[in-house]
Amino acid sequence: MNQHTDRPGDTNGDGHTDTSRDMHPDGQAGRRTGWHMDDDLAVAYAEGRLSPTTAASVEAHLLACASCRGLLAPQVSQTRLDRIWVEVVDVVDTPAPGPFERLLRLVGVRHHIARLLAAARSLRLPWLAGASLALFFAALAAGETTRWGVIGFLALAPIVPVLGVGLAFGRGADPAYEIGLVAPYSAFRVMLLRAAAVLITSVVPALVIGVAFLGQTWTVVGWLLPALALTSLSLLLSRWFEPVQAAAGVSALWLTGVVWTNLHAPSLAMFGGAEQLAYLIITVVSGVLLFLGRREFS
C-alpha cells in the first residue's frame, strides 16, 4: 500500500479531521507508521475533540506505535484514568443477577439476601424447571391413569423440596460455600433462608400443577405434611451428615416406605389421617431440635 506522510489531524472543509488517506485499501484503519502524533493531535484526542473516524484511526496507530503512546500518556488526567478503570472493574467483576435474583429484588428482598439465596443450585432455573417438569408428568399420569398414578404423584411431590434443600447449602453442593462462611450471617440463618426459599419455589408449582390436573381434592394437599416432615428431618440430620447425604437418605427411606405399602395393591396407607398426624409431630419435633442445636451449625 502507499504510505502517506500526512497525519490524521489534517482537517477537511467541514472542520473535522480527514482520515480517508489513513486507511488500508480494504477500507480498514491501518496501523500506520508513516506519520506520528504531535502535541496538538494528542491534546485533541485526549480531550475528545476528534471525529469518530479520526479517533479510530489514531487508536489503530497507537496499537503499533510506542512513541505516540508515550506522547499521549501525559495528556490524559490520571484521575480520569482511575475513574475509567474503576468503572471497567465494576462492570467486569460484578456478576449479572440471574432471573431468580431479579425476581427476589422485585418483590422487595434486599439485594444482599437475594444474592445469597440465588447462589444455591436448587434456586436456579435449570433445577426449578426440571422439578416442575417432573411434577407435571407425575400429575399428568395421576389424572389419566389408575390409582397408581395418584400414588406416584404423592410419592414424588414430597421429595422435590427435600432434594432441593439438600442442594441449597453445604460444602459439597453450595458453589458459594466458602463465601457464606465469612458472610455476616450465621450458617444456621443461611440454611433456614435457603430452605424456606426452596420450599416456596417447590410447593407453589406443585400445588398449581396438582390443582390443574387433579382438581380440588385432598390429593392436591395430601403430600404437604410429608414434605414438611421430610424436609425438617433432613435439616436436622445435616448436623451430622452432609446436607446432600441427609436429603438422599431421607428420600430413599420415604420411597422405600411407599413401595412397601404398595407391594400387593395400590394403597394410600402412607397418607391416612394417623400418618398425617405423625408427619406433623415429626415436623414439630425436628424444628424444636433444630432450634436447640442451632449453634452446632456454625
Protein backbone atom coordinates (compact mmCIF):
# COMPACT_ATOMS: atom_id res chain seq x y z
CA MET A 1 0.00 0.00 0.00
CA ASN A 2 1.10 3.59 -0.48
CA GLN A 3 2.00 5.23 2.78
CA HIS A 4 1.18 8.88 3.29
CA THR A 5 3.12 11.25 5.48
CA ASP A 6 0.07 13.32 6.33
CA ARG A 7 -1.11 12.83 9.89
CA PRO A 8 -4.79 12.17 10.64
CA GLY A 9 -5.05 15.55 12.29
CA ASP A 10 -5.36 17.26 8.92
CA THR A 11 -8.87 18.58 8.56
CA ASN A 12 -11.26 18.84 5.67
CA GLY A 13 -13.55 21.69 4.80
CA ASP A 14 -16.17 20.96 7.47
CA GLY A 15 -13.69 21.27 10.31
CA HIS A 16 -13.45 17.52 11.06
CA THR A 17 -10.31 15.52 10.64
CA ASP A 18 -9.99 13.75 7.29
CA THR A 19 -8.98 10.12 7.69
CA SER A 20 -9.71 8.91 4.18
CA ARG A 21 -5.98 8.87 3.44
CA ASP A 22 -5.17 6.90 6.60
CA MET A 23 -6.92 3.71 5.62
CA HIS A 24 -5.87 0.38 4.18
CA PRO A 25 -7.07 -0.35 0.64
CA ASP A 26 -9.76 -2.63 2.11
CA GLY A 27 -11.26 0.30 3.99
CA GLN A 28 -9.99 -0.68 7.42
CA ALA A 29 -7.96 1.70 9.52
CA GLY A 30 -4.33 0.70 9.29
CA ARG A 31 -1.68 0.69 11.96
CA ARG A 32 0.36 3.32 10.18
CA THR A 33 3.93 4.25 10.94
CA GLY A 34 4.33 6.77 8.10
CA TRP A 35 3.01 9.55 10.36
CA HIS A 36 3.11 10.18 14.08
CA MET A 37 1.09 12.20 16.53
CA ASP A 38 2.18 15.67 17.54
CA ASP A 39 1.25 17.60 20.67
CA ASP A 40 -1.82 19.23 19.12
CA LEU A 41 -3.24 15.93 17.90
CA ALA A 42 -2.54 14.24 21.24
CA VAL A 43 -4.33 17.03 23.13
CA ALA A 44 -7.29 16.92 20.72
CA TYR A 45 -7.61 13.15 21.12
CA ALA A 46 -7.30 13.29 24.92
CA GLU A 47 -10.00 15.99 25.11
CA GLY A 48 -12.35 14.07 22.79
CA ARG A 49 -12.37 16.73 20.05
CA LEU A 50 -11.63 14.37 17.15
CA SER A 51 -14.33 12.96 14.92
CA PRO A 52 -15.15 9.27 15.48
CA THR A 53 -13.38 8.15 12.30
CA THR A 54 -10.27 10.16 13.12
CA ALA A 55 -10.22 8.85 16.68
CA ALA A 56 -10.47 5.29 15.34
CA SER A 57 -7.52 5.91 13.01
CA VAL A 58 -5.45 7.35 15.88
CA GLU A 59 -6.30 4.39 18.11
CA ALA A 60 -5.29 1.94 15.37
CA HIS A 61 -1.97 3.74 15.07
CA LEU A 62 -1.43 3.77 18.83
CA LEU A 63 -1.64 -0.02 18.92
CA ALA A 64 1.61 -0.24 16.94
CA CYS A 65 3.44 2.91 17.98
CA ALA A 66 5.04 3.08 21.43
CA SER A 67 6.40 6.58 20.91
CA CYS A 68 2.95 8.01 20.22
CA ARG A 69 1.55 6.22 23.26
CA GLY A 70 4.28 7.86 25.29
CA LEU A 71 3.37 11.25 23.81
CA LEU A 72 -0.31 10.75 24.63
CA ALA A 73 0.06 9.50 28.19
CA PRO A 74 0.89 12.88 29.83
CA GLN A 75 -2.12 14.48 28.13
CA VAL A 76 -4.65 12.24 29.93
CA SER A 77 -5.54 13.06 33.53
CA GLN A 78 -4.62 10.30 35.98
CA THR A 79 -7.87 10.99 37.83
CA ARG A 80 -9.82 10.33 34.66
CA LEU A 81 -7.90 7.11 34.02
CA ASP A 82 -8.55 5.93 37.56
CA ARG A 83 -12.26 6.67 37.22
CA ILE A 84 -12.50 4.80 33.91
CA TRP A 85 -10.62 1.85 35.37
CA VAL A 86 -12.94 1.67 38.37
CA GLU A 87 -15.95 1.68 36.04
CA VAL A 88 -14.45 -1.11 33.95
CA VAL A 89 -13.68 -3.21 37.03
CA ASP A 90 -17.20 -2.70 38.37
CA VAL A 91 -18.73 -3.94 35.12
CA VAL A 92 -16.35 -6.90 34.72
CA ASP A 93 -16.24 -8.09 38.33
CA THR A 94 -19.89 -7.59 39.27
CA PRO A 95 -21.84 -10.70 38.26
CA ALA A 96 -25.08 -10.06 36.44
CA PRO A 97 -28.11 -11.06 38.54
CA GLY A 98 -29.98 -14.09 37.30
CA PRO A 99 -33.75 -14.37 36.80
CA PHE A 100 -34.42 -15.63 40.34
CA GLU A 101 -32.30 -12.91 41.94
CA ARG A 102 -34.07 -10.22 39.89
CA LEU A 103 -37.42 -11.67 40.94
CA LEU A 104 -36.44 -11.57 44.60
CA ARG A 105 -35.38 -7.94 44.29
CA LEU A 106 -38.63 -7.16 42.51
CA VAL A 107 -40.70 -8.44 45.44
CA GLY A 108 -38.67 -6.41 47.92
CA VAL A 109 -35.95 -8.80 49.12
CA ARG A 110 -32.76 -6.93 49.97
CA HIS A 111 -30.11 -7.26 47.30
CA HIS A 112 -27.51 -8.98 49.53
CA ILE A 113 -30.05 -11.57 50.71
CA ALA A 114 -31.24 -12.08 47.13
CA ARG A 115 -27.64 -12.72 46.05
CA LEU A 116 -27.13 -15.15 48.94
CA LEU A 117 -30.27 -17.10 48.04
CA ALA A 118 -29.72 -17.10 44.29
CA ALA A 119 -26.30 -18.72 44.69
CA ALA A 120 -27.98 -22.03 45.60
CA ARG A 121 -28.14 -24.55 42.74
CA SER A 122 -31.68 -25.58 43.63
CA LEU A 123 -32.86 -21.98 43.26
CA ARG A 124 -31.65 -21.66 39.70
CA LEU A 125 -33.73 -22.02 36.58
CA PRO A 126 -32.47 -25.49 35.47
CA TRP A 127 -33.41 -27.11 38.81
CA LEU A 128 -36.74 -25.29 39.09
CA ALA A 129 -37.65 -26.19 35.52
CA GLY A 130 -36.59 -29.84 35.96
CA ALA A 131 -38.52 -30.24 39.21
CA SER A 132 -41.63 -28.62 37.76
CA LEU A 133 -41.41 -30.83 34.68
CA ALA A 134 -41.14 -33.99 36.82
CA LEU A 135 -44.18 -32.94 38.84
CA PHE A 136 -46.04 -32.10 35.65
CA PHE A 137 -45.61 -35.60 34.24
CA ALA A 138 -46.43 -37.19 37.60
CA ALA A 139 -49.65 -35.17 37.85
CA LEU A 140 -50.48 -35.95 34.22
CA ALA A 141 -50.11 -39.65 34.93
CA ALA A 142 -52.20 -39.32 38.08
CA GLY A 143 -55.02 -37.68 36.17
CA GLU A 144 -55.03 -40.09 33.25
CA THR A 145 -54.31 -43.50 34.78
CA THR A 146 -55.48 -45.64 37.67
CA ARG A 147 -54.74 -45.22 41.36
CA TRP A 148 -51.08 -45.99 40.71
CA GLY A 149 -50.73 -42.60 39.05
CA VAL A 150 -52.04 -40.80 42.15
CA ILE A 151 -49.62 -42.73 44.34
CA GLY A 152 -46.77 -41.79 42.01
CA PHE A 153 -47.59 -38.08 42.35
CA LEU A 154 -47.97 -38.32 46.12
CA ALA A 155 -44.65 -40.16 46.39
CA LEU A 156 -42.71 -37.73 44.18
CA ALA A 157 -44.07 -34.39 45.38
CA PRO A 158 -42.66 -34.57 48.95
CA ILE A 159 -39.10 -35.39 47.92
CA VAL A 160 -38.72 -32.50 45.44
CA PRO A 161 -38.29 -29.90 48.22
CA VAL A 162 -36.17 -32.34 50.25
CA LEU A 163 -33.65 -32.78 47.45
CA GLY A 164 -33.80 -29.06 46.68
CA VAL A 165 -32.95 -28.17 50.27
CA GLY A 166 -30.13 -30.72 50.25
CA LEU A 167 -28.60 -28.96 47.24
CA ALA A 168 -29.10 -25.48 48.68
CA PHE A 169 -26.24 -25.45 51.17
CA GLY A 170 -23.27 -27.43 52.40
CA ARG A 171 -19.69 -27.98 51.33
CA GLY A 172 -20.41 -30.37 48.51
CA ALA A 173 -23.38 -28.63 46.90
CA ASP A 174 -23.11 -24.90 47.53
CA PRO A 175 -20.88 -23.10 44.98
CA ALA A 176 -20.69 -20.14 47.37
CA TYR A 177 -19.93 -22.22 50.46
CA GLU A 178 -16.62 -20.52 51.31
CA ILE A 179 -18.12 -17.08 50.77
CA GLY A 180 -21.03 -17.99 53.03
CA LEU A 181 -18.62 -18.82 55.84
CA VAL A 182 -17.48 -15.19 56.02
CA ALA A 183 -20.90 -13.67 55.33
CA PRO A 184 -22.40 -11.56 58.15
CA TYR A 185 -24.94 -14.32 58.83
CA SER A 186 -24.77 -17.45 60.88
CA ALA A 187 -24.70 -20.73 58.98
CA PHE A 188 -27.99 -21.60 60.65
CA ARG A 189 -29.67 -18.48 59.29
CA VAL A 190 -28.32 -19.09 55.79
CA MET A 191 -29.63 -22.65 55.95
CA LEU A 192 -33.11 -21.54 57.04
CA LEU A 193 -33.28 -18.75 54.46
CA ARG A 194 -32.42 -21.09 51.62
CA ALA A 195 -34.63 -23.90 52.95
CA ALA A 196 -37.59 -21.51 53.11
CA ALA A 197 -36.90 -20.26 49.59
CA VAL A 198 -36.64 -23.81 48.24
CA LEU A 199 -39.86 -24.85 49.97
CA ILE A 200 -41.75 -21.91 48.49
CA THR A 201 -40.40 -22.44 44.97
CA SER A 202 -41.15 -26.18 45.18
CA VAL A 203 -44.52 -26.19 46.93
CA VAL A 204 -46.19 -23.46 44.88
CA PRO A 205 -45.58 -25.11 41.46
CA ALA A 206 -46.60 -28.50 42.88
CA LEU A 207 -49.88 -27.07 44.18
CA VAL A 208 -50.61 -25.31 40.89
CA ILE A 209 -49.85 -28.45 38.87
CA GLY A 210 -51.89 -30.60 41.26
CA VAL A 211 -54.95 -28.36 41.08
CA ALA A 212 -54.68 -28.15 37.28
CA PHE A 213 -54.56 -31.92 36.74
CA LEU A 214 -56.12 -33.48 39.83
CA GLY A 215 -58.81 -30.98 40.71
CA GLN A 216 -59.69 -29.72 44.17
CA THR A 217 -59.33 -33.00 46.05
CA TRP A 218 -57.39 -34.00 49.16
CA THR A 219 -54.74 -35.49 46.87
CA VAL A 220 -53.59 -31.99 45.97
CA VAL A 221 -52.55 -31.28 49.57
CA GLY A 222 -52.04 -34.82 50.90
CA TRP A 223 -48.28 -34.58 50.32
CA LEU A 224 -47.72 -31.24 52.10
CA LEU A 225 -47.21 -32.57 55.64
CA PRO A 226 -44.97 -35.41 54.41
CA ALA A 227 -42.92 -32.80 52.54
CA LEU A 228 -42.54 -30.64 55.65
CA ALA A 229 -41.68 -33.66 57.80
CA LEU A 230 -39.07 -35.00 55.38
CA THR A 231 -37.52 -31.56 54.87
CA SER A 232 -37.26 -30.75 58.57
CA LEU A 233 -35.85 -34.23 59.27
CA SER A 234 -33.19 -33.86 56.57
CA LEU A 235 -32.23 -30.44 58.00
CA LEU A 236 -31.87 -31.98 61.43
CA LEU A 237 -29.72 -34.82 60.08
CA SER A 238 -27.44 -32.30 58.37
CA ARG A 239 -25.97 -31.65 61.83
CA TRP A 240 -24.13 -34.97 61.43
CA PHE A 241 -24.11 -35.58 57.66
CA GLU A 242 -23.61 -33.53 54.55
CA PRO A 243 -26.96 -31.97 53.50
CA VAL A 244 -26.97 -33.87 50.19
CA GLN A 245 -26.42 -37.18 52.00
CA ALA A 246 -29.12 -36.40 54.55
CA ALA A 247 -31.61 -35.46 51.82
CA ALA A 248 -30.79 -38.56 49.78
CA GLY A 249 -31.14 -40.82 52.82
CA VAL A 250 -34.49 -39.36 53.88
CA SER A 251 -35.80 -39.54 50.31
CA ALA A 252 -34.71 -43.16 49.97
CA LEU A 253 -36.39 -44.01 53.28
CA TRP A 254 -39.60 -42.33 52.12
CA LEU A 255 -39.68 -44.11 48.77
CA THR A 256 -38.97 -47.42 50.47
CA GLY A 257 -41.99 -46.88 52.74
CA VAL A 258 -44.22 -46.02 49.77
CA VAL A 259 -43.09 -49.10 47.83
CA TRP A 260 -43.50 -51.37 50.87
CA THR A 261 -47.09 -50.32 51.45
CA ASN A 262 -47.93 -50.82 47.78
CA LEU A 263 -46.30 -54.16 47.12
CA HIS A 264 -49.53 -56.07 46.52
CA ALA A 265 -52.03 -53.40 45.56
CA PRO A 266 -52.21 -49.61 45.31
CA SER A 267 -52.69 -48.23 48.79
CA LEU A 268 -52.84 -44.74 50.28
CA ALA A 269 -51.86 -46.01 53.72
CA MET A 270 -48.93 -43.60 53.87
CA PHE A 271 -51.32 -40.66 53.58
CA GLY A 272 -54.09 -41.55 56.07
CA GLY A 273 -55.20 -39.42 59.00
CA ALA A 274 -52.97 -41.08 61.58
CA GLU A 275 -49.99 -40.85 59.22
CA GLN A 276 -50.63 -37.14 58.64
CA LEU A 277 -50.59 -36.59 62.39
CA ALA A 278 -47.30 -38.44 62.60
CA TYR A 279 -45.81 -36.20 59.90
CA LEU A 280 -46.94 -33.14 61.85
CA ILE A 281 -45.27 -34.47 65.01
CA ILE A 282 -42.04 -35.18 63.10
CA THR A 283 -42.08 -31.63 61.74
CA VAL A 284 -42.57 -30.02 65.15
CA VAL A 285 -40.03 -32.21 66.96
CA SER A 286 -37.42 -31.73 64.23
CA GLY A 287 -38.00 -27.98 64.29
CA VAL A 288 -37.52 -27.81 68.06
CA LEU A 289 -34.34 -29.91 67.92
CA LEU A 290 -33.04 -27.75 65.09
CA PHE A 291 -33.55 -24.60 67.14
CA LEU A 292 -31.94 -26.08 70.24
CA GLY A 293 -28.89 -27.23 68.27
CA ARG A 294 -28.56 -24.16 66.07
CA ARG A 295 -25.07 -23.32 67.40
CA GLU A 296 -23.74 -26.62 66.08
CA PHE A 297 -24.28 -25.40 62.51
CA SER A 298 -21.79 -22.56 62.92
